[in-house]
Each structure stands twice: as structure tokens, then as C-alpha cells.
Amino acid sequence: SDGHKGRPGAEGPGAGQFGIYGGLTCVLAEALTRPSVFAALRARRCYGTTGARVDLDFTVNGQPMGAAIQAEGEVAVRATVRGAAPIEALELYRGRDRLARARPPAFDRCSDSRRVRLTWGGARIRGRGRRAVWDGVVEVAGARVTRVEPHAFDSPADGVDAWSHDQVTFRSRTTGDLDGLDLWLDQARRGRITLRTGLGELAVDLEALTADGHAREFGGLDLRARITRYPEAPRDLALSLAHTVALAPGEAAALYVKAIQSDGHMAWSSPIYVNGAAASASRDSGRLDG
């Protein structure tokens, strides 16, 4: 991805306006030649990641990402991700609406996990000056913290300042990305965790905590925090998703998938544009406007 230091694909976070690691673009070209690469880009056969080298495959009715297809009734979606770290989820979207999500089995069996993940992120505004300051503390009552690991911090200026059996203090700034902490507790069911930041607070009882977690919005541009119960040692490096999407006559849709790794890295496919029979009859190109 592009940056401001002249190092495409190796752009580290800075101390100024740009606080996250640069992303990568994967181009699904038939050959490593200039004509093949540009042909793939023009056909939208490409996907982006936050910097990890993720292998992502996505089809609708057998057609690859970037395609514009005509279909009537139901369409079959297939996606597979192979990650550089254990996979947390593979999700199917239509615009901003999530239609389906696949997760490894460990996330359905973590009700007694002693690992808790706290994440926060987003930005104040679009453009420059978007950085949000989350410096704060995590307080644990009724349980003891036995281990703390930082999650998805991009900059060495962010991280854990200090921790004890009942408290963790941290520094964190986000510019649209997520930062977080993983806590291991001495037991899974009793106690309460409170996240206090400069942007607000979020608290949850351990007895009610699940893998779906509890979240709170703080305005801005997707400023939010979440506390979830997390598998103690996720291992699945690959995950698949299969889903059927029903379209009304003449309806059009742009479908895409998002993959999330346990280390916080993500990947997004290019959309596949689906035109219903009635809609396609009025468009020579078979593409959606916009």
C-alpha cells in the first residue's frame, strides 16, 4: 500500500499523523508481468490486508472476486482463508450489513476460558487529525490477573505501562485500527472487569461474558470498545464459509468477505457484483452503477 516514507509494503507507524502499519494488496494475476497485473487490477481480482500475508479466496456461483454476474433467485457464496496466524473469523457482507460469519470451533467451546480480550479502536474524524487517545486502566475485581499480553499495538509508543493482579495501565492511540489487551485470570466465572479510558468506560461481569462479548460506542468514526471471552490457545490457520444469499427479482447486491486473524490483522476481498434478472436487462454492461 502507499505511504509517506517511500517504502510501499513496509511502512511502519510514525509519531505524527500516521499511526498504523501500512497494508498490502494481493493481485490475483495469471502471470507476474505488467499486462497480467494491470488486467487483474482492472477486473478487481485483488484484495487488501492490514499488512499480513493472508491467502483469501472468494467466489459467488463459482465466479471469482471482482466479477460482475447475472443471477436470479439464490446465489451460492464460498470463501476460504489461510492465515499467517490463527483465524478468528471469516465474515460475509453486503455493504455494511454482515450476512454470515464462520468461526473456528474453539470459539464455541470457550465458556470456561480464563483468557479475556479487551479491544478498542476507531478514529475521531476522517482525514488528518483523526487520532484517538485511549490511555487508561483495566481494573479487575473478584479475580486475579496472572498474565498480560498486548494485542495489535502498532507503535512502540503504545503498550502496557504496568500491571498487577488487579490492574493494568496502558497507553494507546488509534487512527481507525484496533488496539487491545489479552488478560489471563486465575478463574473464569467470578469477578468483574472494567475498562476506563479517556473516551469512556465499559464494564462486564465475568459470569455473563461470552465469545460475542460486550461492546460500547463512543461516537466519532466507529470509536468503540469491546470485552470478549477468548479461547486460551486458538490454533486454526484456515477457515471456510459457505452461505446462500437470496435475491428478489431485479435486486442487485455487492457481496464481499472479511477475514480476521487472532493477532488483529484483517483482509478484505474485492466485491462480487450480482445483478438480478430484471436489473440486468436494463444495463448493457451488467455492472452496478457506482
C-alpha atoms as a PDB file:
ATOM      1  CA  SER A   1       0.000   0.000   0.000  1.00  0.00           C
ATOM      2  CA  ASP A   2       1.126   3.592  -0.439  1.00  0.00           C
ATOM      3  CA  GLY A   3       2.559   5.667   2.364  1.00  0.00           C
ATOM      4  CA  HIS A   4       4.568   8.796   3.079  1.00  0.00           C
ATOM      5  CA  LYS A   5       8.060   7.362   3.554  1.00  0.00           C
ATOM      6  CA  GLY A   6       8.653   5.810   0.126  1.00  0.00           C
ATOM      7  CA  ARG A   7       8.564   2.194   1.302  1.00  0.00           C
ATOM      8  CA  PRO A   8       5.483   0.527  -0.218  1.00  0.00           C
ATOM      9  CA  GLY A   9       4.641  -2.650   1.691  1.00  0.00           C
ATOM     10  CA  ALA A  10       6.991  -1.832   4.583  1.00  0.00           C
ATOM     11  CA  GLU A  11       5.509   1.346   6.018  1.00  0.00           C
ATOM     12  CA  GLY A  12       5.788   1.435   9.796  1.00  0.00           C
ATOM     13  CA  PRO A  13       3.782   3.717  12.084  1.00  0.00           C
ATOM     14  CA  GLY A  14       5.095   7.193  12.763  1.00  0.00           C
ATOM     15  CA  ALA A  15       4.901   9.535  15.713  1.00  0.00           C
ATOM     16  CA  GLY A  16       2.831  12.069  13.769  1.00  0.00           C
ATOM     17  CA  GLN A  17      -0.435  11.690  11.893  1.00  0.00           C
ATOM     18  CA  PHE A  18       0.052   8.159  10.561  1.00  0.00           C
ATOM     19  CA  GLY A  19      -0.023   5.736  13.453  1.00  0.00           C
ATOM     20  CA  ILE A  20      -0.503   2.279  11.927  1.00  0.00           C
ATOM     21  CA  TYR A  21       1.471  -0.172   9.837  1.00  0.00           C
ATOM     22  CA  GLY A  22       0.893   0.036   6.075  1.00  0.00           C
ATOM     23  CA  GLY A  23      -1.270  -2.530   4.316  1.00  0.00           C
ATOM     24  CA  LEU A  24      -0.674  -4.931   1.445  1.00  0.00           C
ATOM     25  CA  THR A  25      -2.576  -5.585  -1.780  1.00  0.00           C
ATOM     26  CA  CYS A  26      -2.709  -9.079  -3.263  1.00  0.00           C
ATOM     27  CA  VAL A  27      -3.250  -9.117  -7.034  1.00  0.00           C
ATOM     28  CA  LEU A  28      -4.574 -12.396  -8.480  1.00  0.00           C
ATOM     29  CA  ALA A  29      -2.721 -12.148 -11.781  1.00  0.00           C
ATOM     30  CA  GLU A  30      -2.250 -15.024 -14.219  1.00  0.00           C
ATOM     31  CA  ALA A  31       1.453 -14.191 -14.560  1.00  0.00           C
ATOM     32  CA  LEU A  32       3.976 -11.899 -12.926  1.00  0.00           C
ATOM     33  CA  THR A  33       4.013  -9.471 -15.834  1.00  0.00           C
ATOM     34  CA  ARG A  34       2.894  -5.882 -16.179  1.00  0.00           C
ATOM     35  CA  PRO A  35      -0.001  -6.695 -18.587  1.00  0.00           C
ATOM     36  CA  SER A  36      -1.267  -9.513 -16.326  1.00  0.00           C
ATOM     37  CA  VAL A  37      -1.081  -7.401 -13.177  1.00  0.00           C
ATOM     38  CA  PHE A  38      -2.938  -4.480 -14.763  1.00  0.00           C
ATOM     39  CA  ALA A  39      -5.535  -6.835 -16.272  1.00  0.00           C
ATOM     40  CA  ALA A  40      -6.198  -8.294 -12.802  1.00  0.00           C
ATOM     41  CA  LEU A  41      -6.476  -4.842 -11.231  1.00  0.00           C
ATOM     42  CA  ARG A  42      -8.920  -3.677 -13.906  1.00  0.00           C
ATOM     43  CA  ALA A  43     -11.005  -6.807 -13.293  1.00  0.00           C
ATOM     44  CA  ARG A  44     -10.920  -6.185  -9.495  1.00  0.00           C
ATOM     45  CA  ARG A  45      -9.224  -9.546  -8.921  1.00  0.00           C
ATOM     46  CA  CYS A  46      -7.415  -8.235  -5.858  1.00  0.00           C
ATOM     47  CA  TYR A  47      -7.815  -7.910  -2.118  1.00  0.00           C
ATOM     48  CA  GLY A  48      -6.257  -5.877   0.677  1.00  0.00           C
ATOM     49  CA  THR A  49      -4.803  -6.732   4.076  1.00  0.00           C
ATOM     50  CA  THR A  50      -3.637  -4.710   7.047  1.00  0.00           C
ATOM     51  CA  GLY A  51      -0.088  -5.953   6.421  1.00  0.00           C
ATOM     52  CA  ALA A  52      -0.272  -9.723   6.938  1.00  0.00           C
ATOM     53  CA  ARG A  53       0.252 -12.126   4.039  1.00  0.00           C
ATOM     54  CA  VAL A  54      -3.199 -13.706   4.079  1.00  0.00           C
ATOM     55  CA  ASP A  55      -4.416 -16.119   1.376  1.00  0.00           C
ATOM     56  CA  LEU A  56      -8.075 -15.306   0.632  1.00  0.00           C
ATOM     57  CA  ASP A  57     -10.371 -16.996  -1.881  1.00  0.00           C
ATOM     58  CA  PHE A  58     -13.945 -15.862  -2.582  1.00  0.00           C
ATOM     59  CA  THR A  59     -16.499 -16.863  -5.224  1.00  0.00           C
ATOM     60  CA  VAL A  60     -20.199 -16.371  -5.955  1.00  0.00           C
ATOM     61  CA  ASN A  61     -21.738 -19.052  -8.174  1.00  0.00           C
ATOM     62  CA  GLY A  62     -18.180 -20.085  -8.985  1.00  0.00           C
ATOM     63  CA  GLN A  63     -17.156 -16.629 -10.236  1.00  0.00           C
ATOM     64  CA  PRO A  64     -14.055 -15.004  -8.669  1.00  0.00           C
ATOM     65  CA  MET A  65     -13.785 -11.834  -6.633  1.00  0.00           C
ATOM     66  CA  GLY A  66     -14.237  -8.709  -8.700  1.00  0.00           C
ATOM     67  CA  ALA A  67     -16.679 -10.337 -11.110  1.00  0.00           C
ATOM     68  CA  ALA A  68     -19.971  -8.757 -12.188  1.00  0.00           C
ATOM     69  CA  ILE A  69     -22.510 -11.528 -12.738  1.00  0.00           C
ATOM     70  CA  GLN A  70     -26.171 -12.014 -13.534  1.00  0.00           C
ATOM     71  CA  ALA A  71     -28.213 -14.289 -11.304  1.00  0.00           C
ATOM     72  CA  GLU A  72     -31.799 -14.992 -10.387  1.00  0.00           C
ATOM     73  CA  GLY A  73     -33.091 -16.182  -7.026  1.00  0.00           C
ATOM     74  CA  GLU A  74     -30.368 -17.621  -4.793  1.00  0.00           C
ATOM     75  CA  VAL A  75     -26.603 -17.371  -5.231  1.00  0.00           C
ATOM     76  CA  ALA A  76     -24.001 -19.634  -3.611  1.00  0.00           C
ATOM     77  CA  VAL A  77     -21.152 -17.945  -1.749  1.00  0.00           C
ATOM     78  CA  ARG A  78     -17.921 -19.799  -0.969  1.00  0.00           C
ATOM     79  CA  ALA A  79     -14.883 -18.367   0.810  1.00  0.00           C
ATOM     80  CA  THR A  80     -11.686 -19.751   2.314  1.00  0.00           C
ATOM     81  CA  VAL A  81      -8.923 -18.037   4.247  1.00  0.00           C
ATOM     82  CA  ARG A  82      -5.475 -19.347   5.143  1.00  0.00           C
ATOM     83  CA  GLY A  83      -3.765 -17.060   7.600  1.00  0.00           C
ATOM     84  CA  ALA A  84      -0.324 -16.142   8.837  1.00  0.00           C
ATOM     85  CA  ALA A  85      -1.734 -16.529  12.372  1.00  0.00           C
ATOM     86  CA  PRO A  86      -4.722 -18.451  13.797  1.00  0.00           C
ATOM     87  CA  ILE A  87      -8.032 -17.319  12.298  1.00  0.00           C
ATOM     88  CA  GLU A  88     -10.670 -15.648  14.446  1.00  0.00           C
ATOM     89  CA  ALA A  89     -13.491 -15.225  11.912  1.00  0.00           C
ATOM     90  CA  LEU A  90     -14.479 -15.157   8.251  1.00  0.00           C
ATOM     91  CA  GLU A  91     -17.439 -12.877   7.528  1.00  0.00           C
ATOM     92  CA  LEU A  92     -19.715 -12.219   4.548  1.00  0.00           C
ATOM     93  CA  TYR A  93     -21.015  -8.685   4.000  1.00  0.00           C
ATOM     94  CA  ARG A  94     -23.479  -6.887   1.808  1.00  0.00           C
ATOM     95  CA  GLY A  95     -22.472  -3.270   2.157  1.00  0.00           C
ATOM     96  CA  ARG A  96     -22.114  -2.675   5.908  1.00  0.00           C
ATOM     97  CA  ASP A  97     -24.541  -5.489   6.781  1.00  0.00           C
ATOM     98  CA  ARG A  98     -22.996  -8.768   7.896  1.00  0.00           C
ATOM     99  CA  LEU A  99     -24.894 -11.695   6.372  1.00  0.00           C
ATOM    100  CA  ALA A 100     -22.919 -14.630   7.781  1.00  0.00           C
ATOM    101  CA  ARG A 101     -19.927 -15.461   9.960  1.00  0.00           C
ATOM    102  CA  ALA A 102     -17.808 -18.592  10.341  1.00  0.00           C
ATOM    103  CA  ARG A 103     -15.621 -19.108  13.409  1.00  0.00           C
ATOM    104  CA  PRO A 104     -13.339 -21.969  14.477  1.00  0.00           C
ATOM    105  CA  PRO A 105     -14.905 -24.492  16.904  1.00  0.00           C
ATOM    106  CA  ALA A 106     -12.749 -23.191  19.770  1.00  0.00           C
ATOM    107  CA  PHE A 107     -14.924 -20.065  19.947  1.00  0.00           C
ATOM    108  CA  ASP A 108     -17.999 -22.207  20.647  1.00  0.00           C
ATOM    109  CA  ARG A 109     -16.190 -24.033  23.451  1.00  0.00           C
ATOM    110  CA  CYS A 110     -14.591 -21.191  25.383  1.00  0.00           C
ATOM    111  CA  SER A 111     -17.229 -20.604  28.075  1.00  0.00           C
ATOM    112  CA  ASP A 112     -14.695 -21.668  30.725  1.00  0.00           C
ATOM    113  CA  SER A 113     -11.692 -19.959  29.147  1.00  0.00           C
ATOM    114  CA  ARG A 114      -9.683 -17.813  31.549  1.00  0.00           C
ATOM    115  CA  ARG A 115      -8.491 -15.585  28.714  1.00  0.00           C
ATOM    116  CA  VAL A 116     -10.280 -12.254  28.227  1.00  0.00           C
ATOM    117  CA  ARG A 117      -9.654  -9.924  25.295  1.00  0.00           C
ATOM    118  CA  LEU A 118     -10.260  -6.179  25.527  1.00  0.00           C
ATOM    119  CA  THR A 119     -10.145  -4.156  22.310  1.00  0.00           C
ATOM    120  CA  TRP A 120     -10.769  -0.541  21.404  1.00  0.00           C
ATOM    121  CA  GLY A 121     -10.361   1.454  18.237  1.00  0.00           C
ATOM    122  CA  GLY A 122     -11.706   3.781  15.594  1.00  0.00           C
ATOM    123  CA  ALA A 123     -10.901   7.399  14.795  1.00  0.00           C
ATOM    124  CA  ARG A 124     -12.117  10.824  15.817  1.00  0.00           C
ATOM    125  CA  ILE A 125     -12.762  12.059  12.268  1.00  0.00           C
ATOM    126  CA  ARG A 126     -11.826  11.301   8.675  1.00  0.00           C
ATOM    127  CA  GLY A 127      -8.534  12.631   7.359  1.00  0.00           C
ATOM    128  CA  ARG A 128      -5.694  14.176   9.307  1.00  0.00           C
ATOM    129  CA  GLY A 129      -6.171  14.806  12.998  1.00  0.00           C
ATOM    130  CA  ARG A 130      -8.166  11.582  13.338  1.00  0.00           C
ATOM    131  CA  ARG A 131      -6.027  10.019  16.080  1.00  0.00           C
ATOM    132  CA  ALA A 132      -7.954   8.989  19.208  1.00  0.00           C
ATOM    133  CA  VAL A 133      -6.215   8.789  22.600  1.00  0.00           C
ATOM    134  CA  TRP A 134      -7.292   5.798  24.707  1.00  0.00           C
ATOM    135  CA  ASP A 135      -4.746   5.943  27.561  1.00  0.00           C
ATOM    136  CA  GLY A 136      -6.344   4.243  30.531  1.00  0.00           C
ATOM    137  CA  VAL A 137      -6.586   1.419  33.017  1.00  0.00           C
ATOM    138  CA  VAL A 138      -8.204  -2.006  33.278  1.00  0.00           C
ATOM    139  CA  GLU A 139      -9.492  -2.899  36.747  1.00  0.00           C
ATOM    140  CA  VAL A 140     -10.281  -6.474  37.801  1.00  0.00           C
ATOM    141  CA  ALA A 141     -12.354  -7.206  40.922  1.00  0.00           C
ATOM    142  CA  GLY A 142     -13.129 -10.694  42.241  1.00  0.00           C
ATOM    143  CA  ALA A 143     -10.433 -12.401  40.150  1.00  0.00           C
ATOM    144  CA  ARG A 144      -6.659 -12.191  39.820  1.00  0.00           C
ATOM    145  CA  VAL A 145      -4.683 -11.302  36.701  1.00  0.00           C
ATOM    146  CA  THR A 146      -1.946 -13.892  36.112  1.00  0.00           C
ATOM    147  CA  ARG A 147      -0.679 -12.793  32.686  1.00  0.00           C
ATOM    148  CA  VAL A 148      -0.996  -9.796  30.339  1.00  0.00           C
ATOM    149  CA  GLU A 149      -0.156  -9.612  26.624  1.00  0.00           C
ATOM    150  CA  PRO A 150      -0.559  -6.563  24.331  1.00  0.00           C
ATOM    151  CA  HIS A 151      -2.809  -7.085  21.311  1.00  0.00           C
ATOM    152  CA  ALA A 152      -2.406  -5.363  17.918  1.00  0.00           C
ATOM    153  CA  PHE A 153      -0.411  -2.347  19.104  1.00  0.00           C
ATOM    154  CA  ASP A 154       1.287  -0.795  16.063  1.00  0.00           C
ATOM    155  CA  SER A 155       3.609   1.752  17.614  1.00  0.00           C
ATOM    156  CA  PRO A 156       6.329   1.230  20.237  1.00  0.00           C
ATOM    157  CA  ALA A 157       4.983   4.403  21.853  1.00  0.00           C
ATOM    158  CA  ASP A 158       1.872   2.402  22.817  1.00  0.00           C
ATOM    159  CA  GLY A 159       1.697  -0.539  25.190  1.00  0.00           C
ATOM    160  CA  VAL A 160       1.416  -1.697  28.787  1.00  0.00           C
ATOM    161  CA  ASP A 161       2.864   0.668  31.392  1.00  0.00           C
ATOM    162  CA  ALA A 162       2.409  -1.597  34.415  1.00  0.00           C
ATOM    163  CA  TRP A 163       0.251  -4.419  35.695  1.00  0.00           C
ATOM    164  CA  SER A 164      -0.599  -6.197  38.923  1.00  0.00           C
ATOM    165  CA  HIS A 165      -3.054  -8.877  39.989  1.00  0.00           C
ATOM    166  CA  ASP A 166      -5.976  -6.414  39.849  1.00  0.00           C
ATOM    167  CA  GLN A 167      -4.971  -3.588  37.479  1.00  0.00           C
ATOM    168  CA  VAL A 168      -3.336  -2.877  34.105  1.00  0.00           C
ATOM    169  CA  THR A 169      -2.366   0.613  32.921  1.00  0.00           C
ATOM    170  CA  PHE A 170      -1.702   1.260  29.240  1.00  0.00           C
ATOM    171  CA  ARG A 171      -1.001   3.861  26.539  1.00  0.00           C
ATOM    172  CA  SER A 172      -2.835   3.622  23.212  1.00  0.00           C
ATOM    173  CA  ARG A 173      -3.668   5.757  20.194  1.00  0.00           C
ATOM    174  CA  THR A 174      -5.722   4.571  17.242  1.00  0.00           C
ATOM    175  CA  THR A 175      -6.320   6.082  13.814  1.00  0.00           C
ATOM    176  CA  GLY A 176      -9.066   3.701  12.675  1.00  0.00           C
ATOM    177  CA  ASP A 177      -7.355   0.472  13.740  1.00  0.00           C
ATOM    178  CA  LEU A 178      -7.827  -1.668  16.853  1.00  0.00           C
ATOM    179  CA  ASP A 179      -5.554  -1.939  19.888  1.00  0.00           C
ATOM    180  CA  GLY A 180      -6.119  -4.149  22.883  1.00  0.00           C
ATOM    181  CA  LEU A 181      -5.017  -6.375  25.736  1.00  0.00           C
ATOM    182  CA  ASP A 182      -5.283 -10.082  26.478  1.00  0.00           C
ATOM    183  CA  LEU A 183      -5.670 -10.945  30.166  1.00  0.00           C
ATOM    184  CA  TRP A 184      -5.358 -14.396  31.700  1.00  0.00           C
ATOM    185  CA  LEU A 185      -7.209 -14.757  35.005  1.00  0.00           C
ATOM    186  CA  ASP A 186      -6.943 -17.274  37.834  1.00  0.00           C
ATOM    187  CA  GLN A 187     -10.559 -18.373  37.214  1.00  0.00           C
ATOM    188  CA  ALA A 188     -13.216 -17.816  34.582  1.00  0.00           C
ATOM    189  CA  ARG A 189     -16.550 -17.187  36.261  1.00  0.00           C
ATOM    190  CA  ARG A 190     -16.355 -14.824  39.228  1.00  0.00           C
ATOM    191  CA  GLY A 191     -15.460 -11.167  39.116  1.00  0.00           C
ATOM    192  CA  ARG A 192     -15.880  -8.001  37.118  1.00  0.00           C
ATOM    193  CA  ILE A 193     -13.672  -6.274  34.549  1.00  0.00           C
ATOM    194  CA  THR A 194     -13.811  -2.517  33.978  1.00  0.00           C
ATOM    195  CA  LEU A 195     -12.069  -0.688  31.139  1.00  0.00           C
ATOM    196  CA  ARG A 196     -11.559   3.024  31.864  1.00  0.00           C
ATOM    197  CA  THR A 197     -10.218   5.258  29.083  1.00  0.00           C
ATOM    198  CA  GLY A 198     -10.137   8.924  28.205  1.00  0.00           C
ATOM    199  CA  LEU A 199     -13.053   8.297  25.836  1.00  0.00           C
ATOM    200  CA  GLY A 200     -15.305   6.392  28.231  1.00  0.00           C
ATOM    201  CA  GLU A 201     -15.795   3.229  30.253  1.00  0.00           C
ATOM    202  CA  LEU A 202     -17.006  -0.329  29.699  1.00  0.00           C
ATOM    203  CA  ALA A 203     -17.613  -2.947  32.402  1.00  0.00           C
ATOM    204  CA  VAL A 204     -18.790  -6.563  32.364  1.00  0.00           C
ATOM    205  CA  ASP A 205     -19.322  -9.387  34.867  1.00  0.00           C
ATOM    206  CA  LEU A 206     -17.281 -12.488  34.062  1.00  0.00           C
ATOM    207  CA  GLU A 207     -20.321 -14.712  34.636  1.00  0.00           C
ATOM    208  CA  ALA A 208     -22.104 -13.041  31.694  1.00  0.00           C
ATOM    209  CA  LEU A 209     -19.089 -12.842  29.372  1.00  0.00           C
ATOM    210  CA  THR A 210     -19.195 -14.845  26.112  1.00  0.00           C
ATOM    211  CA  ALA A 211     -17.189 -15.085  22.888  1.00  0.00           C
ATOM    212  CA  ASP A 212     -19.544 -12.479  21.368  1.00  0.00           C
ATOM    213  CA  GLY A 213     -18.628 -10.073  24.134  1.00  0.00           C
ATOM    214  CA  HIS A 214     -19.981  -6.741  25.301  1.00  0.00           C
ATOM    215  CA  ALA A 215     -19.372  -3.506  23.408  1.00  0.00           C
ATOM    216  CA  ARG A 216     -19.937   0.224  23.766  1.00  0.00           C
ATOM    217  CA  GLU A 217     -19.881   3.006  21.169  1.00  0.00           C
ATOM    218  CA  PHE A 218     -18.115   6.321  21.813  1.00  0.00           C
ATOM    219  CA  GLY A 219     -19.115   8.394  18.776  1.00  0.00           C
ATOM    220  CA  GLY A 220     -16.564   9.690  16.296  1.00  0.00           C
ATOM    221  CA  LEU A 221     -15.765   7.408  13.384  1.00  0.00           C
ATOM    222  CA  ASP A 222     -16.511   3.910  14.723  1.00  0.00           C
ATOM    223  CA  LEU A 223     -14.994   4.643  18.125  1.00  0.00           C
ATOM    224  CA  ARG A 224     -15.881   1.608  20.224  1.00  0.00           C
ATOM    225  CA  ALA A 225     -14.582  -0.752  22.895  1.00  0.00           C
ATOM    226  CA  ARG A 226     -15.330  -4.443  23.391  1.00  0.00           C
ATOM    227  CA  ILE A 227     -14.645  -7.087  26.043  1.00  0.00           C
ATOM    228  CA  THR A 228     -14.889 -10.759  24.989  1.00  0.00           C
ATOM    229  CA  ARG A 229     -14.086 -14.193  26.317  1.00  0.00           C
ATOM    230  CA  TYR A 230     -11.378 -15.643  24.079  1.00  0.00           C
ATOM    231  CA  PRO A 231     -10.065 -19.188  23.502  1.00  0.00           C
ATOM    232  CA  GLU A 232      -6.927 -19.730  25.559  1.00  0.00           C
ATOM    233  CA  ALA A 233      -4.916 -21.127  22.635  1.00  0.00           C
ATOM    234  CA  PRO A 234      -6.564 -20.807  19.174  1.00  0.00           C
ATOM    235  CA  ARG A 235      -4.827 -22.924  16.526  1.00  0.00           C
ATOM    236  CA  ASP A 236      -6.878 -22.964  13.300  1.00  0.00           C
ATOM    237  CA  LEU A 237      -4.835 -21.412  10.480  1.00  0.00           C
ATOM    238  CA  ALA A 238      -7.556 -21.981   7.862  1.00  0.00           C
ATOM    239  CA  LEU A 239     -11.314 -21.478   7.778  1.00  0.00           C
ATOM    240  CA  SER A 240     -14.087 -21.798   5.187  1.00  0.00           C
ATOM    241  CA  LEU A 241     -17.523 -20.243   4.809  1.00  0.00           C
ATOM    242  CA  ALA A 242     -20.469 -21.386   2.682  1.00  0.00           C
ATOM    243  CA  HIS A 243     -23.677 -19.380   2.502  1.00  0.00           C
ATOM    244  CA  THR A 244     -26.681 -18.872   0.235  1.00  0.00           C
ATOM    245  CA  VAL A 245     -27.931 -15.352  -0.465  1.00  0.00           C
ATOM    246  CA  ALA A 246     -31.499 -14.920  -1.721  1.00  0.00           C
ATOM    247  CA  LEU A 247     -32.166 -12.053  -4.132  1.00  0.00           C
ATOM    248  CA  ALA A 248     -35.584 -10.692  -5.037  1.00  0.00           C
ATOM    249  CA  PRO A 249     -36.422 -10.302  -8.755  1.00  0.00           C
ATOM    250  CA  GLY A 250     -34.496  -7.365 -10.158  1.00  0.00           C
ATOM    251  CA  GLU A 251     -32.478  -6.935  -6.967  1.00  0.00           C
ATOM    252  CA  ALA A 252     -28.761  -6.116  -7.112  1.00  0.00           C
ATOM    253  CA  ALA A 253     -26.092  -6.740  -4.487  1.00  0.00           C
ATOM    254  CA  ALA A 254     -22.389  -6.182  -3.860  1.00  0.00           C
ATOM    255  CA  LEU A 255     -21.023  -9.048  -1.750  1.00  0.00           C
ATOM    256  CA  TYR A 256     -17.584  -9.282  -0.145  1.00  0.00           C
ATOM    257  CA  VAL A 257     -15.815 -11.119   2.664  1.00  0.00           C
ATOM    258  CA  LYS A 258     -13.617 -10.044   5.557  1.00  0.00           C
ATOM    259  CA  ALA A 259     -11.118 -12.284   7.356  1.00  0.00           C
ATOM    260  CA  ILE A 260      -9.851 -11.600  10.890  1.00  0.00           C
ATOM    261  CA  GLN A 261      -6.769 -13.172  12.442  1.00  0.00           C
ATOM    262  CA  SER A 262      -6.270 -13.697  16.170  1.00  0.00           C
ATOM    263  CA  ASP A 263      -3.350 -11.236  16.096  1.00  0.00           C
ATOM    264  CA  GLY A 264      -5.676  -8.465  14.877  1.00  0.00           C
ATOM    265  CA  HIS A 265      -4.666  -8.446  11.209  1.00  0.00           C
ATOM    266  CA  MET A 266      -7.507  -8.419   8.664  1.00  0.00           C
ATOM    267  CA  ALA A 267      -8.152  -8.916   4.962  1.00  0.00           C
ATOM    268  CA  TRP A 268     -10.987  -7.693   2.707  1.00  0.00           C
ATOM    269  CA  SER A 269     -11.899  -9.072  -0.697  1.00  0.00           C
ATOM    270  CA  SER A 270     -12.991  -7.007  -3.654  1.00  0.00           C
ATOM    271  CA  PRO A 271     -16.778  -7.226  -4.065  1.00  0.00           C
ATOM    272  CA  ILE A 272     -18.592  -9.508  -6.455  1.00  0.00           C
ATOM    273  CA  TYR A 273     -21.456  -7.586  -8.065  1.00  0.00           C
ATOM    274  CA  VAL A 274     -24.660  -9.559  -8.574  1.00  0.00           C
ATOM    275  CA  ASN A 275     -27.421  -8.208 -10.815  1.00  0.00           C
ATOM    276  CA  GLY A 276     -30.891  -9.729 -10.730  1.00  0.00           C
ATOM    277  CA  ALA A 277     -32.551 -10.730 -14.000  1.00  0.00           C
ATOM    278  CA  ALA A 278     -34.806  -7.677 -14.265  1.00  0.00           C
ATOM    279  CA  ALA A 279     -31.998  -5.285 -13.365  1.00  0.00           C
ATOM    280  CA  SER A 280     -29.516  -6.784 -15.810  1.00  0.00           C
ATOM    281  CA  ALA A 281     -31.905  -6.431 -18.731  1.00  0.00           C
ATOM    282  CA  SER A 282     -31.666  -2.639 -18.476  1.00  0.00           C
ATOM    283  CA  ARG A 283     -27.849  -2.477 -18.203  1.00  0.00           C
ATOM    284  CA  ASP A 284     -25.641  -3.220 -21.154  1.00  0.00           C
ATOM    285  CA  SER A 285     -22.527  -3.783 -19.039  1.00  0.00           C
ATOM    286  CA  GLY A 286     -24.088  -5.971 -16.361  1.00  0.00           C
ATOM    287  CA  ARG A 287     -22.454  -3.799 -13.681  1.00  0.00           C
ATOM    288  CA  LEU A 288     -23.947  -1.849 -10.829  1.00  0.00           C
ATOM    289  CA  ASP A 289     -23.838   1.928 -11.039  1.00  0.00           C
ATOM    290  CA  GLY A 290     -21.417   3.419  -8.529  1.00  0.00           C
END
